[in-house]
Amino acid sequence: MKATVTVMLKPGVLDPQGKAIGQALAGLGFAGVGEVRMGKVIVLELAETDPARARTAAEEMARKLLANTVIEGFTVAVDGA
């Protein structure tokens, strides 16, 4: 089963990478781009066949390793769930 963990900085946390991307887009002539936030996506191939248990495992992985929960939030999507 495949689980996708999306990690983003929490609202209010400064995002220098997002700001740099936004400035670069403006410099390339892309008008109308508002705030840009940078994040990461981690795709996990899990041996688990139960979607609920796969989600629980992926959430535990995110809390323990994949996200810095002090400054980042995360979402988990499981294929077939």
N, C-alpha and C. Protein backbone atom coordinates (compact mmCIF):
# COMPACT_ATOMS: atom_id res chain seq x y z
N MET A 1 0.85 -1.17 0.00
CA MET A 1 0.00 0.00 0.00
C MET A 1 0.90 1.23 0.00
N LYS A 2 0.48 2.25 -0.72
CA LYS A 2 1.27 3.47 -0.84
C LYS A 2 0.67 4.55 0.05
N ALA A 3 1.55 5.21 0.85
CA ALA A 3 1.13 6.34 1.68
C ALA A 3 1.95 7.55 1.25
N THR A 4 1.28 8.67 1.13
CA THR A 4 1.95 9.92 0.77
C THR A 4 1.84 10.88 1.95
N VAL A 5 3.00 11.32 2.44
CA VAL A 5 3.06 12.25 3.55
C VAL A 5 3.49 13.61 2.98
N THR A 6 2.67 14.63 3.20
CA THR A 6 2.99 15.98 2.77
C THR A 6 3.30 16.81 4.01
N VAL A 7 4.50 17.40 4.02
CA VAL A 7 4.97 18.16 5.17
C VAL A 7 5.11 19.63 4.76
N MET A 8 4.50 20.51 5.55
CA MET A 8 4.56 21.95 5.28
C MET A 8 4.86 22.69 6.57
N LEU A 9 5.52 23.84 6.45
CA LEU A 9 5.72 24.69 7.61
C LEU A 9 4.36 25.16 8.12
N LYS A 10 4.24 25.29 9.43
CA LYS A 10 3.00 25.77 10.02
C LYS A 10 2.79 27.24 9.66
N PRO A 11 1.53 27.69 9.63
CA PRO A 11 1.26 29.10 9.38
C PRO A 11 2.00 29.96 10.41
N GLY A 12 2.56 31.06 9.94
CA GLY A 12 3.28 31.96 10.84
C GLY A 12 4.76 31.68 10.94
N VAL A 13 5.20 30.50 10.49
CA VAL A 13 6.63 30.19 10.50
C VAL A 13 7.23 30.75 9.22
N LEU A 14 8.31 31.50 9.36
CA LEU A 14 8.96 32.09 8.19
C LEU A 14 9.40 31.00 7.23
N ASP A 15 9.24 31.28 5.94
CA ASP A 15 9.58 30.32 4.89
C ASP A 15 10.50 30.99 3.87
N PRO A 16 11.82 31.05 4.17
CA PRO A 16 12.73 31.73 3.25
C PRO A 16 12.80 31.08 1.87
N GLN A 17 12.67 29.76 1.79
CA GLN A 17 12.69 29.10 0.48
C GLN A 17 11.47 29.49 -0.34
N GLY A 18 10.32 29.52 0.29
CA GLY A 18 9.10 29.94 -0.40
C GLY A 18 9.21 31.37 -0.89
N LYS A 19 9.78 32.25 -0.05
CA LYS A 19 9.95 33.65 -0.43
C LYS A 19 10.89 33.76 -1.64
N ALA A 20 11.99 33.00 -1.63
CA ALA A 20 12.94 33.03 -2.74
C ALA A 20 12.28 32.53 -4.03
N ILE A 21 11.47 31.48 -3.92
CA ILE A 21 10.77 30.96 -5.10
C ILE A 21 9.80 32.01 -5.64
N GLY A 22 9.06 32.65 -4.74
CA GLY A 22 8.12 33.69 -5.15
C GLY A 22 8.82 34.83 -5.87
N GLN A 23 9.97 35.25 -5.34
CA GLN A 23 10.72 36.33 -5.98
C GLN A 23 11.26 35.90 -7.34
N ALA A 24 11.72 34.66 -7.43
CA ALA A 24 12.23 34.15 -8.71
C ALA A 24 11.11 34.08 -9.76
N LEU A 25 9.94 33.64 -9.34
CA LEU A 25 8.80 33.58 -10.27
C LEU A 25 8.45 34.98 -10.77
N ALA A 26 8.45 35.95 -9.86
CA ALA A 26 8.17 37.33 -10.27
C ALA A 26 9.23 37.83 -11.24
N GLY A 27 10.49 37.48 -10.98
CA GLY A 27 11.59 37.87 -11.86
C GLY A 27 11.49 37.25 -13.24
N LEU A 28 10.84 36.10 -13.33
CA LEU A 28 10.65 35.43 -14.61
C LEU A 28 9.39 35.91 -15.33
N GLY A 29 8.69 36.87 -14.72
CA GLY A 29 7.53 37.44 -15.38
C GLY A 29 6.21 36.79 -15.04
N PHE A 30 6.17 35.91 -14.05
CA PHE A 30 4.91 35.30 -13.64
C PHE A 30 4.20 36.25 -12.68
N ALA A 31 3.22 36.96 -13.20
CA ALA A 31 2.49 37.94 -12.40
C ALA A 31 1.34 37.26 -11.66
N GLY A 32 0.92 37.88 -10.59
CA GLY A 32 -0.25 37.40 -9.87
C GLY A 32 0.00 36.24 -8.93
N VAL A 33 1.26 35.93 -8.64
CA VAL A 33 1.57 34.86 -7.69
C VAL A 33 1.61 35.49 -6.30
N GLY A 34 0.77 35.00 -5.40
CA GLY A 34 0.75 35.49 -4.03
C GLY A 34 1.83 34.81 -3.20
N GLU A 35 1.49 34.50 -1.99
CA GLU A 35 2.44 33.86 -1.08
C GLU A 35 2.82 32.47 -1.61
N VAL A 36 4.09 32.13 -1.49
CA VAL A 36 4.58 30.81 -1.89
C VAL A 36 5.12 30.12 -0.65
N ARG A 37 4.69 28.88 -0.42
CA ARG A 37 5.18 28.08 0.71
C ARG A 37 5.86 26.84 0.14
N MET A 38 7.01 26.51 0.68
CA MET A 38 7.79 25.35 0.26
C MET A 38 7.53 24.21 1.22
N GLY A 39 7.38 23.01 0.70
CA GLY A 39 7.17 21.83 1.54
C GLY A 39 7.88 20.63 0.94
N LYS A 40 7.55 19.47 1.46
CA LYS A 40 8.14 18.24 0.92
C LYS A 40 7.08 17.14 0.91
N VAL A 41 7.25 16.22 -0.02
CA VAL A 41 6.34 15.09 -0.16
C VAL A 41 7.18 13.82 -0.05
N ILE A 42 6.75 12.92 0.83
CA ILE A 42 7.44 11.64 1.01
C ILE A 42 6.45 10.54 0.65
N VAL A 43 6.82 9.68 -0.28
CA VAL A 43 5.97 8.56 -0.71
C VAL A 43 6.54 7.29 -0.10
N LEU A 44 5.70 6.59 0.65
CA LEU A 44 6.12 5.36 1.34
C LEU A 44 5.38 4.17 0.74
N GLU A 45 6.11 3.14 0.40
CA GLU A 45 5.50 1.89 -0.02
C GLU A 45 5.48 0.98 1.21
N LEU A 46 4.29 0.70 1.71
CA LEU A 46 4.13 -0.06 2.95
C LEU A 46 3.62 -1.46 2.66
N ALA A 47 4.08 -2.44 3.46
CA ALA A 47 3.63 -3.82 3.30
C ALA A 47 2.22 -4.01 3.84
N GLU A 48 1.76 -3.07 4.64
CA GLU A 48 0.42 -3.14 5.25
C GLU A 48 -0.67 -3.18 4.18
N THR A 49 -1.69 -4.01 4.39
CA THR A 49 -2.80 -4.10 3.43
C THR A 49 -4.06 -3.43 3.94
N ASP A 50 -4.13 -3.14 5.22
CA ASP A 50 -5.29 -2.46 5.81
C ASP A 50 -5.07 -0.95 5.74
N PRO A 51 -5.93 -0.22 5.00
CA PRO A 51 -5.72 1.22 4.85
C PRO A 51 -5.65 1.99 6.17
N ALA A 52 -6.48 1.62 7.13
CA ALA A 52 -6.47 2.33 8.42
C ALA A 52 -5.15 2.12 9.15
N ARG A 53 -4.64 0.91 9.13
CA ARG A 53 -3.36 0.64 9.80
C ARG A 53 -2.21 1.28 9.04
N ALA A 54 -2.32 1.33 7.71
CA ALA A 54 -1.28 1.99 6.91
C ALA A 54 -1.24 3.48 7.25
N ARG A 55 -2.40 4.11 7.37
CA ARG A 55 -2.47 5.54 7.72
C ARG A 55 -1.88 5.77 9.11
N THR A 56 -2.24 4.93 10.05
CA THR A 56 -1.73 5.06 11.42
C THR A 56 -0.21 4.93 11.43
N ALA A 57 0.33 3.97 10.69
CA ALA A 57 1.78 3.78 10.63
C ALA A 57 2.47 4.99 9.99
N ALA A 58 1.91 5.49 8.90
CA ALA A 58 2.51 6.64 8.22
C ALA A 58 2.46 7.89 9.11
N GLU A 59 1.35 8.07 9.84
CA GLU A 59 1.26 9.21 10.76
C GLU A 59 2.30 9.10 11.87
N GLU A 60 2.51 7.91 12.38
CA GLU A 60 3.53 7.69 13.41
C GLU A 60 4.93 8.00 12.86
N MET A 61 5.20 7.56 11.63
CA MET A 61 6.49 7.85 11.00
C MET A 61 6.68 9.35 10.84
N ALA A 62 5.62 10.04 10.45
CA ALA A 62 5.70 11.49 10.27
C ALA A 62 5.99 12.18 11.59
N ARG A 63 5.28 11.76 12.66
CA ARG A 63 5.50 12.38 13.97
C ARG A 63 6.90 12.12 14.51
N LYS A 64 7.42 10.92 14.28
CA LYS A 64 8.71 10.54 14.86
C LYS A 64 9.92 10.96 14.04
N LEU A 65 9.76 11.09 12.70
CA LEU A 65 10.94 11.32 11.86
C LEU A 65 10.72 12.31 10.71
N LEU A 66 9.63 12.16 9.99
CA LEU A 66 9.49 12.87 8.73
C LEU A 66 9.19 14.35 8.88
N ALA A 67 8.55 14.75 9.97
CA ALA A 67 8.20 16.16 10.18
C ALA A 67 8.75 16.63 11.52
N ASN A 68 9.18 17.88 11.55
CA ASN A 68 9.53 18.53 12.81
C ASN A 68 8.24 19.17 13.30
N THR A 69 7.52 18.48 14.17
CA THR A 69 6.17 18.91 14.53
C THR A 69 6.13 20.21 15.34
N VAL A 70 7.28 20.72 15.73
CA VAL A 70 7.31 22.02 16.39
C VAL A 70 6.99 23.12 15.39
N ILE A 71 7.53 23.00 14.17
CA ILE A 71 7.36 24.04 13.16
C ILE A 71 6.66 23.57 11.89
N GLU A 72 6.41 22.25 11.78
CA GLU A 72 5.79 21.71 10.57
C GLU A 72 4.53 20.94 10.90
N GLY A 73 3.58 20.99 9.98
CA GLY A 73 2.41 20.14 10.04
C GLY A 73 2.50 19.12 8.91
N PHE A 74 1.67 18.11 8.95
CA PHE A 74 1.71 17.10 7.89
C PHE A 74 0.32 16.54 7.65
N THR A 75 0.14 16.03 6.44
CA THR A 75 -1.07 15.28 6.08
C THR A 75 -0.63 13.94 5.51
N VAL A 76 -1.49 12.97 5.65
CA VAL A 76 -1.21 11.62 5.13
C VAL A 76 -2.37 11.20 4.23
N ALA A 77 -2.03 10.74 3.04
CA ALA A 77 -3.01 10.15 2.12
C ALA A 77 -2.58 8.72 1.82
N VAL A 78 -3.53 7.80 1.89
CA VAL A 78 -3.24 6.39 1.63
C VAL A 78 -4.03 5.96 0.41
N ASP A 79 -3.36 5.34 -0.57
CA ASP A 79 -4.05 4.84 -1.75
C ASP A 79 -5.03 3.75 -1.32
N GLY A 80 -6.24 3.87 -1.81
CA GLY A 80 -7.26 2.90 -1.48
C GLY A 80 -8.03 3.25 -0.22
N ALA A 81 -7.74 4.43 0.36
CA ALA A 81 -8.45 4.83 1.59
C ALA A 81 -9.32 6.03 1.33
